[in-house]
Amino acid sequence: MENYTTNRGAERRPLSLMVKSRVKSRVAYVDMIDISESGCRIKGSNGFAEVGDRVTMKVGGINAPLGKIVWVESRIAGVAFEGEMHEAVLDHLCALNGSDIRPEKQRLNRV
C-alpha cells in the first residue's frame, strides 16, 4: 500500500459489512471496511487477492460495480470500481450499517 498513491475524488465512508464477492472466479466472503463512489477497502483471509485481480461484490443485496484490486497489504485490499456507485446507494448502505451520517456532516459535528 505504501507505493500506491491516488487522487481520491470522493471521501470514503466507514462501513462494516460482510460481503459476498468473487475474486479469481472463487467465492470469497470479505469484510467491507469503507466505501466511496469510486472504490472500497476490503479485508479477507491472507492471500485472498492480488493486485490486478477482478472483483465482483454484492453489498447489502446490491451489486457493486465491477472492481479491480489496486493494492494489497496483508489481509486488506483496495478496490477501484470501474464505474461509480450512486451516492443514494451509499447512503442506503451506510444507513443499514448504522453509520448514515455523510462525511461532510461528520466534520461539522466534530467542530
C-alpha atoms as a PDB file:
ATOM      1  CA  MET A   1       0.000   0.000   0.000  1.00  0.00           C
ATOM      2  CA  GLU A   2       2.901   2.363   0.642  1.00  0.00           C
ATOM      3  CA  ASN A   3       3.749   2.654  -3.056  1.00  0.00           C
ATOM      4  CA  TYR A   4       0.155   3.169  -4.156  1.00  0.00           C
ATOM      5  CA  THR A   5      -0.937   6.764  -4.494  1.00  0.00           C
ATOM      6  CA  THR A   6      -4.198   8.120  -5.786  1.00  0.00           C
ATOM      7  CA  ASN A   7      -6.097  11.336  -6.110  1.00  0.00           C
ATOM      8  CA  ARG A   8      -9.273  10.192  -4.453  1.00  0.00           C
ATOM      9  CA  GLY A   9     -12.253  12.046  -5.881  1.00  0.00           C
ATOM     10  CA  ALA A  10     -14.610  11.035  -3.088  1.00  0.00           C
ATOM     11  CA  GLU A  11     -14.199  10.621   0.629  1.00  0.00           C
ATOM     12  CA  ARG A  12     -14.561   7.087   1.938  1.00  0.00           C
ATOM     13  CA  ARG A  13     -17.300   6.321   4.436  1.00  0.00           C
ATOM     14  CA  PRO A  14     -16.676   3.832   7.238  1.00  0.00           C
ATOM     15  CA  LEU A  15     -18.615   0.610   6.955  1.00  0.00           C
ATOM     16  CA  SER A  16     -18.569  -2.833   8.497  1.00  0.00           C
ATOM     17  CA  LEU A  17     -20.401  -5.310   6.294  1.00  0.00           C
ATOM     18  CA  MET A  18     -19.825  -8.938   5.367  1.00  0.00           C
ATOM     19  CA  VAL A  19     -19.821  -9.052   1.569  1.00  0.00           C
ATOM     20  CA  LYS A  20     -20.076 -11.976  -0.821  1.00  0.00           C
ATOM     21  CA  SER A  21     -17.552 -11.439  -3.592  1.00  0.00           C
ATOM     22  CA  ARG A  22     -15.815 -13.266  -6.405  1.00  0.00           C
ATOM     23  CA  VAL A  23     -12.064 -12.993  -6.810  1.00  0.00           C
ATOM     24  CA  LYS A  24     -10.288 -15.100  -9.443  1.00  0.00           C
ATOM     25  CA  SER A  25     -13.651 -16.828 -10.107  1.00  0.00           C
ATOM     26  CA  ARG A  26     -13.758 -18.060  -6.483  1.00  0.00           C
ATOM     27  CA  VAL A  27     -16.371 -17.043  -3.953  1.00  0.00           C
ATOM     28  CA  ALA A  28     -14.800 -15.087  -1.103  1.00  0.00           C
ATOM     29  CA  TYR A  29     -16.555 -13.582   1.906  1.00  0.00           C
ATOM     30  CA  VAL A  30     -14.834 -10.353   2.899  1.00  0.00           C
ATOM     31  CA  ASP A  31     -15.430  -7.545   5.365  1.00  0.00           C
ATOM     32  CA  MET A  32     -16.036  -4.192   3.693  1.00  0.00           C
ATOM     33  CA  ILE A  33     -14.221  -1.635   5.846  1.00  0.00           C
ATOM     34  CA  ASP A  34     -15.133   1.524   3.945  1.00  0.00           C
ATOM     35  CA  ILE A  35     -16.686   2.634   0.676  1.00  0.00           C
ATOM     36  CA  SER A  36     -16.898   5.619  -1.676  1.00  0.00           C
ATOM     37  CA  GLU A  37     -18.453   6.240  -5.069  1.00  0.00           C
ATOM     38  CA  SER A  38     -15.267   5.048  -6.774  1.00  0.00           C
ATOM     39  CA  GLY A  39     -13.993   2.205  -4.590  1.00  0.00           C
ATOM     40  CA  CYS A  40     -13.731   0.477  -1.260  1.00  0.00           C
ATOM     41  CA  ARG A  41     -11.416  -1.265   1.164  1.00  0.00           C
ATOM     42  CA  ILE A  42     -11.968  -4.932   1.980  1.00  0.00           C
ATOM     43  CA  LYS A  43     -10.469  -7.414   4.421  1.00  0.00           C
ATOM     44  CA  GLY A  44     -10.207 -11.117   3.688  1.00  0.00           C
ATOM     45  CA  SER A  45      -8.065 -14.100   4.526  1.00  0.00           C
ATOM     46  CA  ASN A  46      -4.323 -13.993   3.785  1.00  0.00           C
ATOM     47  CA  GLY A  47      -3.664 -14.334   0.057  1.00  0.00           C
ATOM     48  CA  PHE A  48      -7.322 -13.908  -0.960  1.00  0.00           C
ATOM     49  CA  ALA A  49      -6.411 -11.412  -3.700  1.00  0.00           C
ATOM     50  CA  GLU A  50      -3.532  -9.983  -5.696  1.00  0.00           C
ATOM     51  CA  VAL A  51      -3.052  -6.623  -7.402  1.00  0.00           C
ATOM     52  CA  GLY A  52      -4.830  -6.685 -10.757  1.00  0.00           C
ATOM     53  CA  ASP A  53      -7.469  -9.266  -9.794  1.00  0.00           C
ATOM     54  CA  ARG A  54     -11.030  -8.541 -10.936  1.00  0.00           C
ATOM     55  CA  VAL A  55     -13.642  -8.425  -8.175  1.00  0.00           C
ATOM     56  CA  THR A  56     -17.418  -8.622  -8.154  1.00  0.00           C
ATOM     57  CA  MET A  57     -19.300  -7.899  -4.931  1.00  0.00           C
ATOM     58  CA  LYS A  58     -22.846  -7.973  -3.658  1.00  0.00           C
ATOM     59  CA  VAL A  59     -23.199  -5.373  -0.908  1.00  0.00           C
ATOM     60  CA  GLY A  60     -26.387  -5.377   1.161  1.00  0.00           C
ATOM     61  CA  GLY A  61     -28.226  -7.127  -1.675  1.00  0.00           C
ATOM     62  CA  ILE A  62     -26.936  -4.590  -4.223  1.00  0.00           C
ATOM     63  CA  ASN A  63     -24.415  -5.447  -6.933  1.00  0.00           C
ATOM     64  CA  ALA A  64     -21.440  -3.110  -6.700  1.00  0.00           C
ATOM     65  CA  PRO A  65     -19.741  -2.003  -9.921  1.00  0.00           C
ATOM     66  CA  LEU A  66     -17.083  -4.368 -11.234  1.00  0.00           C
ATOM     67  CA  GLY A  67     -13.827  -3.674  -9.401  1.00  0.00           C
ATOM     68  CA  LYS A  68     -10.104  -4.223  -9.630  1.00  0.00           C
ATOM     69  CA  ILE A  69      -7.686  -4.813  -6.748  1.00  0.00           C
ATOM     70  CA  VAL A  70      -5.265  -1.881  -6.833  1.00  0.00           C
ATOM     71  CA  TRP A  71      -3.249  -2.598  -3.677  1.00  0.00           C
ATOM     72  CA  VAL A  72      -2.906  -5.358  -1.087  1.00  0.00           C
ATOM     73  CA  GLU A  73      -1.353  -5.146   2.350  1.00  0.00           C
ATOM     74  CA  SER A  74      -1.590  -8.330   4.405  1.00  0.00           C
ATOM     75  CA  ARG A  75      -5.324  -9.134   4.652  1.00  0.00           C
ATOM     76  CA  ILE A  76      -6.580  -5.726   3.447  1.00  0.00           C
ATOM     77  CA  ALA A  77      -7.041  -4.705  -0.192  1.00  0.00           C
ATOM     78  CA  GLY A  78      -8.124  -1.574  -2.037  1.00  0.00           C
ATOM     79  CA  VAL A  79     -10.705  -1.928  -4.790  1.00  0.00           C
ATOM     80  CA  ALA A  80     -11.224   0.634  -7.560  1.00  0.00           C
ATOM     81  CA  PHE A  81     -14.658   0.405  -9.174  1.00  0.00           C
ATOM     82  CA  GLU A  82     -14.810   0.567 -12.972  1.00  0.00           C
ATOM     83  CA  GLY A  83     -17.968   2.642 -12.735  1.00  0.00           C
ATOM     84  CA  GLU A  84     -19.321   4.672  -9.855  1.00  0.00           C
ATOM     85  CA  MET A  85     -21.694   3.704  -7.108  1.00  0.00           C
ATOM     86  CA  HIS A  86     -24.506   6.238  -6.812  1.00  0.00           C
ATOM     87  CA  GLU A  87     -24.423   8.399  -3.683  1.00  0.00           C
ATOM     88  CA  ALA A  88     -28.007   7.372  -2.801  1.00  0.00           C
ATOM     89  CA  VAL A  89     -26.883   3.725  -2.746  1.00  0.00           C
ATOM     90  CA  LEU A  90     -24.000   4.660  -0.432  1.00  0.00           C
ATOM     91  CA  ASP A  91     -26.439   6.500   1.854  1.00  0.00           C
ATOM     92  CA  HIS A  92     -28.643   3.381   1.944  1.00  0.00           C
ATOM     93  CA  LEU A  93     -25.727   1.032   2.740  1.00  0.00           C
ATOM     94  CA  CYS A  94     -24.423   3.321   5.475  1.00  0.00           C
ATOM     95  CA  ALA A  95     -27.941   3.574   6.969  1.00  0.00           C
ATOM     96  CA  LEU A  96     -28.192  -0.237   7.034  1.00  0.00           C
ATOM     97  CA  ASN A  97     -24.870  -0.280   8.833  1.00  0.00           C
ATOM     98  CA  GLY A  98     -25.898   2.372  11.358  1.00  0.00           C
ATOM     99  CA  SER A  99     -23.461   4.994  10.050  1.00  0.00           C
ATOM    100  CA  ASP A 100     -25.824   7.104   7.956  1.00  0.00           C
ATOM    101  CA  ILE A 101     -24.065  10.427   8.592  1.00  0.00           C
ATOM    102  CA  ARG A 102     -22.365  11.787   5.488  1.00  0.00           C
ATOM    103  CA  PRO A 103     -18.655  12.714   5.821  1.00  0.00           C
ATOM    104  CA  GLU A 104     -19.329  16.452   5.479  1.00  0.00           C
ATOM    105  CA  LYS A 105     -21.887  16.265   8.321  1.00  0.00           C
ATOM    106  CA  GLN A 106     -19.415  14.301  10.460  1.00  0.00           C
ATOM    107  CA  ARG A 107     -16.871  17.106  10.021  1.00  0.00           C
ATOM    108  CA  LEU A 108     -19.451  19.683  11.093  1.00  0.00           C
ATOM    109  CA  ASN A 109     -20.369  17.652  14.169  1.00  0.00           C
ATOM    110  CA  ARG A 110     -16.711  17.448  15.255  1.00  0.00           C
ATOM    111  CA  VAL A 111     -16.317  21.247  15.492  1.00  0.00           C
END
